Amino acid sequence: TAEQLETALKITPIAAVENVYNPGAND
């Protein structure tokens, strides 16, 4: 989640995020 990304960035640099993304789903 976006919140977990924020948490991770407080611990270490993050180089990329691989997540599900469905065009048109507008999740």
PDB file of all heavy atoms in Angstrom:
ATOM      1  N   THR A   1       0.838  -1.179   0.000  1.00  0.00           N
ATOM      2  CA  THR A   1       0.000   0.000   0.000  1.00  0.00           C
ATOM      3  C   THR A   1       0.883   1.242   0.000  1.00  0.00           C
ATOM      4  O   THR A   1       2.095   1.160   0.240  1.00  0.00           O
ATOM      5  CB  THR A   1      -0.894   0.035   1.247  1.00  0.00           C
ATOM      6  OG1 THR A   1      -0.051   0.140   2.415  1.00  0.00           O
ATOM      7  CG2 THR A   1      -1.738  -1.228   1.347  1.00  0.00           C
ATOM      8  N   ALA A   2       0.258   2.389  -0.229  1.00  0.00           N
ATOM      9  CA  ALA A   2       0.997   3.650  -0.165  1.00  0.00           C
ATOM     10  C   ALA A   2       1.551   3.865   1.240  1.00  0.00           C
ATOM     11  O   ALA A   2       2.664   4.390   1.410  1.00  0.00           O
ATOM     12  CB  ALA A   2       0.091   4.804  -0.578  1.00  0.00           C
ATOM     13  N   GLU A   3       0.800   3.450   2.244  1.00  0.00           N
ATOM     14  CA  GLU A   3       1.260   3.598   3.629  1.00  0.00           C
ATOM     15  C   GLU A   3       2.486   2.733   3.890  1.00  0.00           C
ATOM     16  O   GLU A   3       3.425   3.161   4.584  1.00  0.00           O
ATOM     17  CB  GLU A   3       0.136   3.225   4.592  1.00  0.00           C
ATOM     18  CG  GLU A   3      -1.045   4.194   4.614  1.00  0.00           C
ATOM     19  CD  GLU A   3      -1.945   4.072   3.393  1.00  0.00           C
ATOM     20  OE1 GLU A   3      -1.888   3.013   2.710  1.00  0.00           O
ATOM     21  OE2 GLU A   3      -2.695   5.029   3.118  1.00  0.00           O
ATOM     22  N   GLN A   4       2.502   1.525   3.342  1.00  0.00           N
ATOM     23  CA  GLN A   4       3.671   0.661   3.527  1.00  0.00           C
ATOM     24  C   GLN A   4       4.894   1.212   2.799  1.00  0.00           C
ATOM     25  O   GLN A   4       6.016   1.077   3.285  1.00  0.00           O
ATOM     26  CB  GLN A   4       3.347  -0.753   3.060  1.00  0.00           C
ATOM     27  CG  GLN A   4       2.438  -1.498   4.027  1.00  0.00           C
ATOM     28  CD  GLN A   4       1.948  -2.811   3.467  1.00  0.00           C
ATOM     29  OE1 GLN A   4       1.645  -2.925   2.280  1.00  0.00           O
ATOM     30  NE2 GLN A   4       1.838  -3.818   4.317  1.00  0.00           N
ATOM     31  N   LEU A   5       4.681   1.823   1.656  1.00  0.00           N
ATOM     32  CA  LEU A   5       5.795   2.476   0.971  1.00  0.00           C
ATOM     33  C   LEU A   5       6.382   3.577   1.854  1.00  0.00           C
ATOM     34  O   LEU A   5       7.611   3.697   1.980  1.00  0.00           O
ATOM     35  CB  LEU A   5       5.336   3.044  -0.368  1.00  0.00           C
ATOM     36  CG  LEU A   5       6.358   3.898  -1.131  1.00  0.00           C
ATOM     37  CD1 LEU A   5       7.647   3.134  -1.397  1.00  0.00           C
ATOM     38  CD2 LEU A   5       5.751   4.393  -2.447  1.00  0.00           C
ATOM     39  N   GLU A   6       5.530   4.371   2.468  1.00  0.00           N
ATOM     40  CA  GLU A   6       5.996   5.430   3.363  1.00  0.00           C
ATOM     41  C   GLU A   6       6.784   4.836   4.523  1.00  0.00           C
ATOM     42  O   GLU A   6       7.843   5.356   4.905  1.00  0.00           O
ATOM     43  CB  GLU A   6       4.806   6.226   3.889  1.00  0.00           C
ATOM     44  CG  GLU A   6       4.088   7.062   2.853  1.00  0.00           C
ATOM     45  CD  GLU A   6       4.907   8.260   2.402  1.00  0.00           C
ATOM     46  OE1 GLU A   6       5.879   8.610   3.109  1.00  0.00           O
ATOM     47  OE2 GLU A   6       4.594   8.819   1.343  1.00  0.00           O
ATOM     48  N   THR A   7       6.270   3.761   5.098  1.00  0.00           N
ATOM     49  CA  THR A   7       6.969   3.102   6.204  1.00  0.00           C
ATOM     50  C   THR A   7       8.333   2.608   5.766  1.00  0.00           C
ATOM     51  O   THR A   7       9.344   2.790   6.469  1.00  0.00           O
ATOM     52  CB  THR A   7       6.131   1.916   6.726  1.00  0.00           C
ATOM     53  OG1 THR A   7       4.897   2.411   7.254  1.00  0.00           O
ATOM     54  CG2 THR A   7       6.870   1.152   7.813  1.00  0.00           C
ATOM     55  N   ALA A   8       8.384   1.975   4.595  1.00  0.00           N
ATOM     56  CA  ALA A   8       9.647   1.425   4.092  1.00  0.00           C
ATOM     57  C   ALA A   8      10.680   2.515   3.858  1.00  0.00           C
ATOM     58  O   ALA A   8      11.874   2.334   4.156  1.00  0.00           O
ATOM     59  CB  ALA A   8       9.393   0.650   2.806  1.00  0.00           C
ATOM     60  N   LEU A   9      10.241   3.644   3.328  1.00  0.00           N
ATOM     61  CA  LEU A   9      11.176   4.732   3.023  1.00  0.00           C
ATOM     62  C   LEU A   9      11.806   5.321   4.276  1.00  0.00           C
ATOM     63  O   LEU A   9      12.873   5.951   4.206  1.00  0.00           O
ATOM     64  CB  LEU A   9      10.464   5.822   2.229  1.00  0.00           C
ATOM     65  CG  LEU A   9      10.155   5.463   0.771  1.00  0.00           C
ATOM     66  CD1 LEU A   9       9.181   6.459   0.161  1.00  0.00           C
ATOM     67  CD2 LEU A   9      11.439   5.404  -0.045  1.00  0.00           C
ATOM     68  N   LYS A  10      11.185   5.119   5.425  1.00  0.00           N
ATOM     69  CA  LYS A  10      11.771   5.568   6.689  1.00  0.00           C
ATOM     70  C   LYS A  10      12.858   4.614   7.170  1.00  0.00           C
ATOM     71  O   LYS A  10      13.642   4.955   8.064  1.00  0.00           O
ATOM     72  CB  LYS A  10      10.678   5.706   7.750  1.00  0.00           C
ATOM     73  CG  LYS A  10       9.657   6.792   7.440  1.00  0.00           C
ATOM     74  CD  LYS A  10       8.532   6.798   8.473  1.00  0.00           C
ATOM     75  CE  LYS A  10       7.483   7.851   8.113  1.00  0.00           C
ATOM     76  NZ  LYS A  10       6.335   7.831   9.059  1.00  0.00           N
ATOM     77  N   ILE A  11      12.872   3.415   6.586  1.00  0.00           N
ATOM     78  CA  ILE A  11      13.844   2.395   6.988  1.00  0.00           C
ATOM     79  C   ILE A  11      15.020   2.343   6.034  1.00  0.00           C
ATOM     80  O   ILE A  11      16.185   2.235   6.443  1.00  0.00           O
ATOM     81  CB  ILE A  11      13.158   1.010   7.060  1.00  0.00           C
ATOM     82  CG1 ILE A  11      12.061   1.020   8.130  1.00  0.00           C
ATOM     83  CG2 ILE A  11      14.168  -0.105   7.333  1.00  0.00           C
ATOM     84  CD1 ILE A  11      11.200  -0.231   8.143  1.00  0.00           C
ATOM     85  N   THR A  12      14.735   2.438   4.715  1.00  0.00           N
ATOM     86  CA  THR A  12      15.785   2.259   3.705  1.00  0.00           C
ATOM     87  C   THR A  12      15.336   2.874   2.385  1.00  0.00           C
ATOM     88  O   THR A  12      14.126   2.991   2.133  1.00  0.00           O
ATOM     89  CB  THR A  12      16.067   0.760   3.495  1.00  0.00           C
ATOM     90  OG1 THR A  12      17.194   0.601   2.633  1.00  0.00           O
ATOM     91  CG2 THR A  12      14.882   0.030   2.921  1.00  0.00           C
ATOM     92  N   PRO A  13      16.259   3.262   1.525  1.00  0.00           N
ATOM     93  CA  PRO A  13      15.855   3.716   0.188  1.00  0.00           C
ATOM     94  C   PRO A  13      15.157   2.589  -0.573  1.00  0.00           C
ATOM     95  O   PRO A  13      15.554   1.429  -0.494  1.00  0.00           O
ATOM     96  CB  PRO A  13      17.189   4.086  -0.475  1.00  0.00           C
ATOM     97  CG  PRO A  13      18.105   4.405   0.665  1.00  0.00           C
ATOM     98  CD  PRO A  13      17.707   3.464   1.768  1.00  0.00           C
ATOM     99  N   ILE A  14      14.110   2.933  -1.294  1.00  0.00           N
ATOM    100  CA  ILE A  14      13.366   1.986  -2.117  1.00  0.00           C
ATOM    101  C   ILE A  14      13.562   2.381  -3.576  1.00  0.00           C
ATOM    102  O   ILE A  14      13.382   3.549  -3.942  1.00  0.00           O
ATOM    103  CB  ILE A  14      11.873   1.985  -1.754  1.00  0.00           C
ATOM    104  CG1 ILE A  14      11.678   1.521  -0.306  1.00  0.00           C
ATOM    105  CG2 ILE A  14      11.077   1.107  -2.710  1.00  0.00           C
ATOM    106  CD1 ILE A  14      12.156   0.106  -0.019  1.00  0.00           C
ATOM    107  N   ALA A  15      13.923   1.402  -4.408  1.00  0.00           N
ATOM    108  CA  ALA A  15      14.271   1.698  -5.801  1.00  0.00           C
ATOM    109  C   ALA A  15      13.094   1.573  -6.753  1.00  0.00           C
ATOM    110  O   ALA A  15      13.106   2.186  -7.831  1.00  0.00           O
ATOM    111  CB  ALA A  15      15.402   0.781  -6.269  1.00  0.00           C
ATOM    112  N   ALA A  16      12.068   0.776  -6.406  1.00  0.00           N
ATOM    113  CA  ALA A  16      10.939   0.549  -7.320  1.00  0.00           C
ATOM    114  C   ALA A  16       9.801  -0.103  -6.558  1.00  0.00           C
ATOM    115  O   ALA A  16      10.003  -0.674  -5.472  1.00  0.00           O
ATOM    116  CB  ALA A  16      11.359  -0.339  -8.487  1.00  0.00           C
ATOM    117  N   VAL A  17       8.606  -0.025  -7.129  1.00  0.00           N
ATOM    118  CA  VAL A  17       7.433  -0.686  -6.561  1.00  0.00           C
ATOM    119  C   VAL A  17       6.752  -1.473  -7.671  1.00  0.00           C
ATOM    120  O   VAL A  17       6.462  -0.941  -8.741  1.00  0.00           O
ATOM    121  CB  VAL A  17       6.433   0.323  -5.956  1.00  0.00           C
ATOM    122  CG1 VAL A  17       5.200  -0.414  -5.441  1.00  0.00           C
ATOM    123  CG2 VAL A  17       7.086   1.112  -4.830  1.00  0.00           C
ATOM    124  N   GLU A  18       6.502  -2.745  -7.409  1.00  0.00           N
ATOM    125  CA  GLU A  18       5.806  -3.616  -8.368  1.00  0.00           C
ATOM    126  C   GLU A  18       4.444  -3.977  -7.788  1.00  0.00           C
ATOM    127  O   GLU A  18       4.363  -4.712  -6.812  1.00  0.00           O
ATOM    128  CB  GLU A  18       6.631  -4.876  -8.645  1.00  0.00           C
ATOM    129  CG  GLU A  18       5.994  -5.795  -9.656  1.00  0.00           C
ATOM    130  CD  GLU A  18       6.887  -6.982 -10.015  1.00  0.00           C
ATOM    131  OE1 GLU A  18       8.118  -6.878  -9.866  1.00  0.00           O
ATOM    132  OE2 GLU A  18       6.336  -8.011 -10.431  1.00  0.00           O
ATOM    133  N   ASN A  19       3.399  -3.427  -8.382  1.00  0.00           N
ATOM    134  CA  ASN A  19       2.046  -3.613  -7.850  1.00  0.00           C
ATOM    135  C   ASN A  19       1.070  -3.921  -8.965  1.00  0.00           C
ATOM    136  O   ASN A  19       1.300  -3.574 -10.128  1.00  0.00           O
ATOM    137  CB  ASN A  19       1.581  -2.336  -7.142  1.00  0.00           C
ATOM    138  CG  ASN A  19       1.765  -2.394  -5.637  1.00  0.00           C
ATOM    139  OD1 ASN A  19       2.728  -2.966  -5.132  1.00  0.00           O
ATOM    140  ND2 ASN A  19       0.848  -1.785  -4.904  1.00  0.00           N
ATOM    141  N   VAL A  20      -0.042  -4.526  -8.588  1.00  0.00           N
ATOM    142  CA  VAL A  20      -1.103  -4.755  -9.559  1.00  0.00           C
ATOM    143  C   VAL A  20      -1.648  -3.416 -10.036  1.00  0.00           C
ATOM    144  O   VAL A  20      -1.745  -2.458  -9.265  1.00  0.00           O
ATOM    145  CB  VAL A  20      -2.226  -5.622  -8.946  1.00  0.00           C
ATOM    146  CG1 VAL A  20      -2.915  -4.899  -7.795  1.00  0.00           C
ATOM    147  CG2 VAL A  20      -3.232  -6.027  -9.995  1.00  0.00           C
ATOM    148  N   TYR A  21      -1.944  -3.352 -11.330  1.00  0.00           N
ATOM    149  CA  TYR A  21      -2.545  -2.137 -11.883  1.00  0.00           C
ATOM    150  C   TYR A  21      -3.374  -2.537 -13.088  1.00  0.00           C
ATOM    151  O   TYR A  21      -2.844  -3.043 -14.082  1.00  0.00           O
ATOM    152  CB  TYR A  21      -1.485  -1.125 -12.297  1.00  0.00           C
ATOM    153  CG  TYR A  21      -2.086   0.222 -12.659  1.00  0.00           C
ATOM    154  CD1 TYR A  21      -2.338   1.167 -11.672  1.00  0.00           C
ATOM    155  CD2 TYR A  21      -2.425   0.527 -13.972  1.00  0.00           C
ATOM    156  CE1 TYR A  21      -2.906   2.393 -11.982  1.00  0.00           C
ATOM    157  CE2 TYR A  21      -2.996   1.745 -14.294  1.00  0.00           C
ATOM    158  CZ  TYR A  21      -3.232   2.676 -13.292  1.00  0.00           C
ATOM    159  OH  TYR A  21      -3.802   3.882 -13.613  1.00  0.00           O
ATOM    160  N   ASN A  22      -4.681  -2.299 -12.989  1.00  0.00           N
ATOM    161  CA  ASN A  22      -5.585  -2.628 -14.078  1.00  0.00           C
ATOM    162  C   ASN A  22      -6.107  -1.350 -14.711  1.00  0.00           C
ATOM    163  O   ASN A  22      -6.884  -0.624 -14.085  1.00  0.00           O
ATOM    164  CB  ASN A  22      -6.767  -3.473 -13.576  1.00  0.00           C
ATOM    165  CG  ASN A  22      -6.335  -4.876 -13.219  1.00  0.00           C
ATOM    166  OD1 ASN A  22      -5.456  -5.439 -13.867  1.00  0.00           O
ATOM    167  ND2 ASN A  22      -6.935  -5.445 -12.199  1.00  0.00           N
ATOM    168  N   PRO A  23      -5.687  -1.030 -15.918  1.00  0.00           N
ATOM    169  CA  PRO A  23      -6.176   0.178 -16.584  1.00  0.00           C
ATOM    170  C   PRO A  23      -7.693   0.212 -16.634  1.00  0.00           C
ATOM    171  O   PRO A  23      -8.344  -0.764 -16.976  1.00  0.00           O
ATOM    172  CB  PRO A  23      -5.580   0.056 -17.989  1.00  0.00           C
ATOM    173  CG  PRO A  23      -4.367  -0.792 -17.808  1.00  0.00           C
ATOM    174  CD  PRO A  23      -4.731  -1.769 -16.736  1.00  0.00           C
ATOM    175  N   GLY A  24      -8.236   1.346 -16.275  1.00  0.00           N
ATOM    176  CA  GLY A  24      -9.679   1.509 -16.306  1.00  0.00           C
ATOM    177  C   GLY A  24     -10.380   1.088 -15.039  1.00  0.00           C
ATOM    178  O   GLY A  24     -11.565   1.378 -14.853  1.00  0.00           O
ATOM    179  N   ALA A  25      -9.667   0.383 -14.131  1.00  0.00           N
ATOM    180  CA  ALA A  25     -10.308  -0.070 -12.894  1.00  0.00           C
ATOM    181  C   ALA A  25     -10.521   1.076 -11.914  1.00  0.00           C
ATOM    182  O   ALA A  25     -11.434   1.046 -11.101  1.00  0.00           O
ATOM    183  CB  ALA A  25      -9.469  -1.164 -12.242  1.00  0.00           C
ATOM    184  N   ASN A  26      -9.653   2.090 -11.980  1.00  0.00           N
ATOM    185  CA  ASN A  26      -9.763   3.258 -11.104  1.00  0.00           C
ATOM    186  C   ASN A  26      -9.826   2.861  -9.633  1.00  0.00           C
ATOM    187  O   ASN A  26     -10.631   3.396  -8.862  1.00  0.00           O
ATOM    188  CB  ASN A  26     -10.985   4.106 -11.476  1.00  0.00           C
ATOM    189  CG  ASN A  26     -10.832   4.758 -12.843  1.00  0.00           C
ATOM    190  OD1 ASN A  26      -9.737   5.176 -13.215  1.00  0.00           O
ATOM    191  ND2 ASN A  26     -11.927   4.833 -13.588  1.00  0.00           N
ATOM    192  N   ASP A  27      -8.999   1.914  -9.227  1.00  0.00           N
ATOM    193  CA  ASP A  27      -8.946   1.482  -7.835  1.00  0.00           C
ATOM    194  C   ASP A  27      -8.181   2.533  -7.028  1.00  0.00           C
ATOM    195  O   ASP A  27      -6.996   2.760  -7.282  1.00  0.00           O
ATOM    196  CB  ASP A  27      -8.250   0.122  -7.746  1.00  0.00           C
ATOM    197  CG  ASP A  27      -8.310  -0.467  -6.358  1.00  0.00           C
ATOM    198  OD1 ASP A  27      -7.918   0.228  -5.399  1.00  0.00           O
ATOM    199  OD2 ASP A  27      -8.725  -1.630  -6.218  1.00  0.00           O
TER     200      ASP A  27
END
